[in-house]
Amino acid sequence: MSKSIFYHAGCPVCISAEHDIINLVGENNVEVVNIGEDRSRIQEAENAGVNSVPALVTPNGNTLHINFGASMADVKG
């Protein structure tokens, strides 16, 4: 993976964190995935170690949980 991936679910906490992440690492260095809208990426996020959103998966595979918006169980409904 060459970019970080920022997973979120579209809630206000997630949107705020998205803006902060983009400002910190640059828009070209992060792929933003709203798993509330693109539910096909939920399994990918879980496989990467995402337990709650918002979360950032770094290029070397570390998963950084940021604040707390929703658990993956909540996102899956």
N, C-alpha and C. Protein backbone atom coordinates (compact mmCIF):
# COMPACT_ATOMS: atom_id res chain seq x y z
N MET A 1 0.85 -1.16 0.00
CA MET A 1 0.00 0.00 0.00
C MET A 1 0.90 1.23 0.00
N SER A 2 0.63 2.16 -0.89
CA SER A 2 1.46 3.35 -0.97
C SER A 2 0.86 4.55 -0.27
N LYS A 3 -0.44 4.53 -0.04
CA LYS A 3 -1.13 5.61 0.65
C LYS A 3 -1.71 5.10 1.95
N SER A 4 -1.96 6.02 2.86
CA SER A 4 -2.77 5.69 4.02
C SER A 4 -4.22 5.59 3.56
N ILE A 5 -5.02 4.82 4.29
CA ILE A 5 -6.45 4.73 4.01
C ILE A 5 -7.19 5.19 5.25
N PHE A 6 -8.05 6.18 5.08
CA PHE A 6 -8.85 6.71 6.18
C PHE A 6 -10.27 6.20 6.02
N TYR A 7 -10.69 5.35 6.95
CA TYR A 7 -12.04 4.79 6.95
C TYR A 7 -12.92 5.59 7.90
N HIS A 8 -14.13 5.90 7.43
CA HIS A 8 -15.09 6.55 8.30
C HIS A 8 -16.50 6.20 7.88
N ALA A 9 -17.48 6.65 8.66
CA ALA A 9 -18.87 6.29 8.38
C ALA A 9 -19.75 7.49 8.07
N GLY A 10 -19.15 8.67 7.94
CA GLY A 10 -19.92 9.84 7.54
C GLY A 10 -20.51 10.66 8.66
N CYS A 11 -20.30 10.27 9.90
CA CYS A 11 -20.87 11.03 11.02
C CYS A 11 -20.05 12.32 11.21
N PRO A 12 -20.57 13.28 11.98
CA PRO A 12 -19.84 14.53 12.20
C PRO A 12 -18.43 14.34 12.78
N VAL A 13 -18.26 13.40 13.71
CA VAL A 13 -16.93 13.13 14.27
C VAL A 13 -16.00 12.67 13.16
N CYS A 14 -16.49 11.79 12.29
CA CYS A 14 -15.67 11.25 11.20
C CYS A 14 -15.31 12.33 10.18
N ILE A 15 -16.25 13.16 9.82
CA ILE A 15 -16.01 14.22 8.83
C ILE A 15 -14.97 15.20 9.36
N SER A 16 -15.08 15.55 10.63
CA SER A 16 -14.10 16.44 11.24
C SER A 16 -12.71 15.82 11.22
N ALA A 17 -12.62 14.54 11.58
CA ALA A 17 -11.34 13.84 11.56
C ALA A 17 -10.80 13.73 10.13
N GLU A 18 -11.68 13.52 9.15
CA GLU A 18 -11.26 13.45 7.75
C GLU A 18 -10.55 14.73 7.35
N HIS A 19 -11.14 15.87 7.68
CA HIS A 19 -10.53 17.16 7.33
C HIS A 19 -9.17 17.32 8.00
N ASP A 20 -9.08 16.92 9.26
CA ASP A 20 -7.81 17.03 9.98
C ASP A 20 -6.74 16.13 9.35
N ILE A 21 -7.11 14.90 9.02
CA ILE A 21 -6.15 13.96 8.41
C ILE A 21 -5.65 14.50 7.08
N ILE A 22 -6.57 14.98 6.25
CA ILE A 22 -6.17 15.53 4.95
C ILE A 22 -5.22 16.71 5.14
N ASN A 23 -5.53 17.58 6.11
CA ASN A 23 -4.65 18.73 6.38
C ASN A 23 -3.29 18.29 6.89
N LEU A 24 -3.23 17.21 7.65
CA LEU A 24 -1.97 16.73 8.22
C LEU A 24 -1.09 16.01 7.21
N VAL A 25 -1.67 15.09 6.44
CA VAL A 25 -0.85 14.25 5.56
C VAL A 25 -0.94 14.62 4.09
N GLY A 26 -1.90 15.45 3.74
CA GLY A 26 -2.07 15.85 2.35
C GLY A 26 -3.03 14.95 1.60
N GLU A 27 -3.84 15.56 0.78
CA GLU A 27 -4.89 14.84 0.05
C GLU A 27 -4.34 13.75 -0.87
N ASN A 28 -3.13 13.95 -1.39
CA ASN A 28 -2.53 12.97 -2.29
C ASN A 28 -1.95 11.76 -1.56
N ASN A 29 -1.88 11.84 -0.24
CA ASN A 29 -1.26 10.76 0.54
C ASN A 29 -2.26 9.90 1.29
N VAL A 30 -3.55 10.16 1.09
CA VAL A 30 -4.56 9.40 1.82
C VAL A 30 -5.77 9.12 0.92
N GLU A 31 -6.24 7.89 0.98
CA GLU A 31 -7.49 7.52 0.32
C GLU A 31 -8.58 7.56 1.38
N VAL A 32 -9.64 8.28 1.11
CA VAL A 32 -10.75 8.38 2.05
C VAL A 32 -11.84 7.42 1.64
N VAL A 33 -12.25 6.56 2.58
CA VAL A 33 -13.29 5.57 2.31
C VAL A 33 -14.42 5.76 3.32
N ASN A 34 -15.58 6.16 2.82
CA ASN A 34 -16.77 6.28 3.66
C ASN A 34 -17.50 4.94 3.60
N ILE A 35 -17.30 4.11 4.62
CA ILE A 35 -17.92 2.78 4.60
C ILE A 35 -19.41 2.84 4.90
N GLY A 36 -19.90 4.02 5.30
CA GLY A 36 -21.34 4.20 5.42
C GLY A 36 -21.98 4.24 4.04
N GLU A 37 -21.25 4.75 3.07
CA GLU A 37 -21.74 4.82 1.69
C GLU A 37 -21.27 3.63 0.85
N ASP A 38 -20.05 3.19 1.07
CA ASP A 38 -19.48 2.08 0.30
C ASP A 38 -19.31 0.87 1.20
N ARG A 39 -20.41 0.20 1.47
CA ARG A 39 -20.43 -0.91 2.42
C ARG A 39 -19.61 -2.11 1.95
N SER A 40 -19.29 -2.16 0.67
CA SER A 40 -18.48 -3.26 0.14
C SER A 40 -17.06 -3.22 0.68
N ARG A 41 -16.66 -2.13 1.32
CA ARG A 41 -15.30 -2.00 1.85
C ARG A 41 -15.22 -2.30 3.35
N ILE A 42 -16.34 -2.67 3.97
CA ILE A 42 -16.35 -2.97 5.41
C ILE A 42 -15.42 -4.13 5.73
N GLN A 43 -15.50 -5.21 4.99
CA GLN A 43 -14.65 -6.38 5.26
C GLN A 43 -13.18 -6.03 5.11
N GLU A 44 -12.85 -5.24 4.10
CA GLU A 44 -11.48 -4.77 3.89
C GLU A 44 -10.98 -4.01 5.12
N ALA A 45 -11.82 -3.12 5.64
CA ALA A 45 -11.45 -2.34 6.82
C ALA A 45 -11.23 -3.27 8.02
N GLU A 46 -12.13 -4.21 8.23
CA GLU A 46 -11.98 -5.15 9.34
C GLU A 46 -10.72 -6.00 9.18
N ASN A 47 -10.43 -6.42 7.97
CA ASN A 47 -9.22 -7.21 7.72
C ASN A 47 -7.95 -6.41 8.02
N ALA A 48 -8.04 -5.09 7.88
CA ALA A 48 -6.90 -4.21 8.16
C ALA A 48 -6.78 -3.90 9.65
N GLY A 49 -7.73 -4.39 10.46
CA GLY A 49 -7.67 -4.17 11.90
C GLY A 49 -8.52 -3.03 12.41
N VAL A 50 -9.40 -2.51 11.57
CA VAL A 50 -10.28 -1.42 12.00
C VAL A 50 -11.38 -1.99 12.90
N ASN A 51 -11.42 -1.51 14.15
CA ASN A 51 -12.44 -1.93 15.11
C ASN A 51 -13.52 -0.88 15.30
N SER A 52 -13.17 0.36 14.98
CA SER A 52 -14.11 1.47 15.09
C SER A 52 -13.68 2.54 14.10
N VAL A 53 -14.60 3.38 13.75
CA VAL A 53 -14.29 4.49 12.85
C VAL A 53 -14.52 5.81 13.59
N PRO A 54 -13.76 6.82 13.25
CA PRO A 54 -12.78 6.91 12.19
C PRO A 54 -11.47 6.20 12.54
N ALA A 55 -10.81 5.69 11.51
CA ALA A 55 -9.52 5.01 11.69
C ALA A 55 -8.65 5.24 10.46
N LEU A 56 -7.36 5.29 10.69
CA LEU A 56 -6.39 5.48 9.62
C LEU A 56 -5.49 4.26 9.56
N VAL A 57 -5.39 3.64 8.39
CA VAL A 57 -4.46 2.54 8.18
C VAL A 57 -3.28 3.10 7.42
N THR A 58 -2.09 2.99 8.02
CA THR A 58 -0.89 3.57 7.43
C THR A 58 -0.34 2.67 6.33
N PRO A 59 0.54 3.21 5.49
CA PRO A 59 1.10 2.40 4.40
C PRO A 59 1.82 1.14 4.87
N ASN A 60 2.36 1.14 6.11
CA ASN A 60 3.03 -0.08 6.58
C ASN A 60 2.09 -0.98 7.38
N GLY A 61 0.78 -0.69 7.35
CA GLY A 61 -0.20 -1.59 7.93
C GLY A 61 -0.63 -1.33 9.35
N ASN A 62 -0.13 -0.27 9.98
CA ASN A 62 -0.59 0.07 11.32
C ASN A 62 -1.98 0.69 11.24
N THR A 63 -2.85 0.30 12.16
CA THR A 63 -4.20 0.85 12.21
C THR A 63 -4.29 1.79 13.41
N LEU A 64 -4.60 3.04 13.12
CA LEU A 64 -4.69 4.07 14.14
C LEU A 64 -6.15 4.46 14.32
N HIS A 65 -6.71 4.17 15.48
CA HIS A 65 -8.08 4.53 15.77
C HIS A 65 -8.10 5.96 16.29
N ILE A 66 -8.93 6.78 15.69
CA ILE A 66 -8.96 8.21 15.97
C ILE A 66 -10.30 8.54 16.61
N ASN A 67 -10.23 9.12 17.81
CA ASN A 67 -11.46 9.50 18.49
C ASN A 67 -12.36 8.27 18.56
N PHE A 68 -13.64 8.43 18.63
CA PHE A 68 -14.56 7.29 18.55
C PHE A 68 -15.87 7.78 17.98
N GLY A 69 -16.19 7.32 16.78
CA GLY A 69 -17.44 7.68 16.14
C GLY A 69 -18.43 6.55 16.24
N ALA A 70 -18.00 5.34 15.82
CA ALA A 70 -18.89 4.18 15.84
C ALA A 70 -18.06 2.91 15.77
N SER A 71 -18.56 1.87 16.43
CA SER A 71 -17.90 0.56 16.32
C SER A 71 -18.25 -0.04 14.97
N MET A 72 -17.48 -0.99 14.53
CA MET A 72 -17.78 -1.66 13.26
C MET A 72 -19.12 -2.39 13.35
N ALA A 73 -19.47 -2.90 14.51
CA ALA A 73 -20.77 -3.55 14.67
C ALA A 73 -21.90 -2.56 14.42
N ASP A 74 -21.72 -1.32 14.91
CA ASP A 74 -22.73 -0.28 14.67
C ASP A 74 -22.82 0.05 13.18
N VAL A 75 -21.67 0.12 12.53
CA VAL A 75 -21.64 0.45 11.10
C VAL A 75 -22.33 -0.64 10.28
N LYS A 76 -22.08 -1.89 10.65
CA LYS A 76 -22.69 -3.00 9.90
C LYS A 76 -24.18 -3.11 10.15
N GLY A 77 -24.62 -2.55 11.29
CA GLY A 77 -26.06 -2.54 11.61
C GLY A 77 -26.55 -3.85 12.00
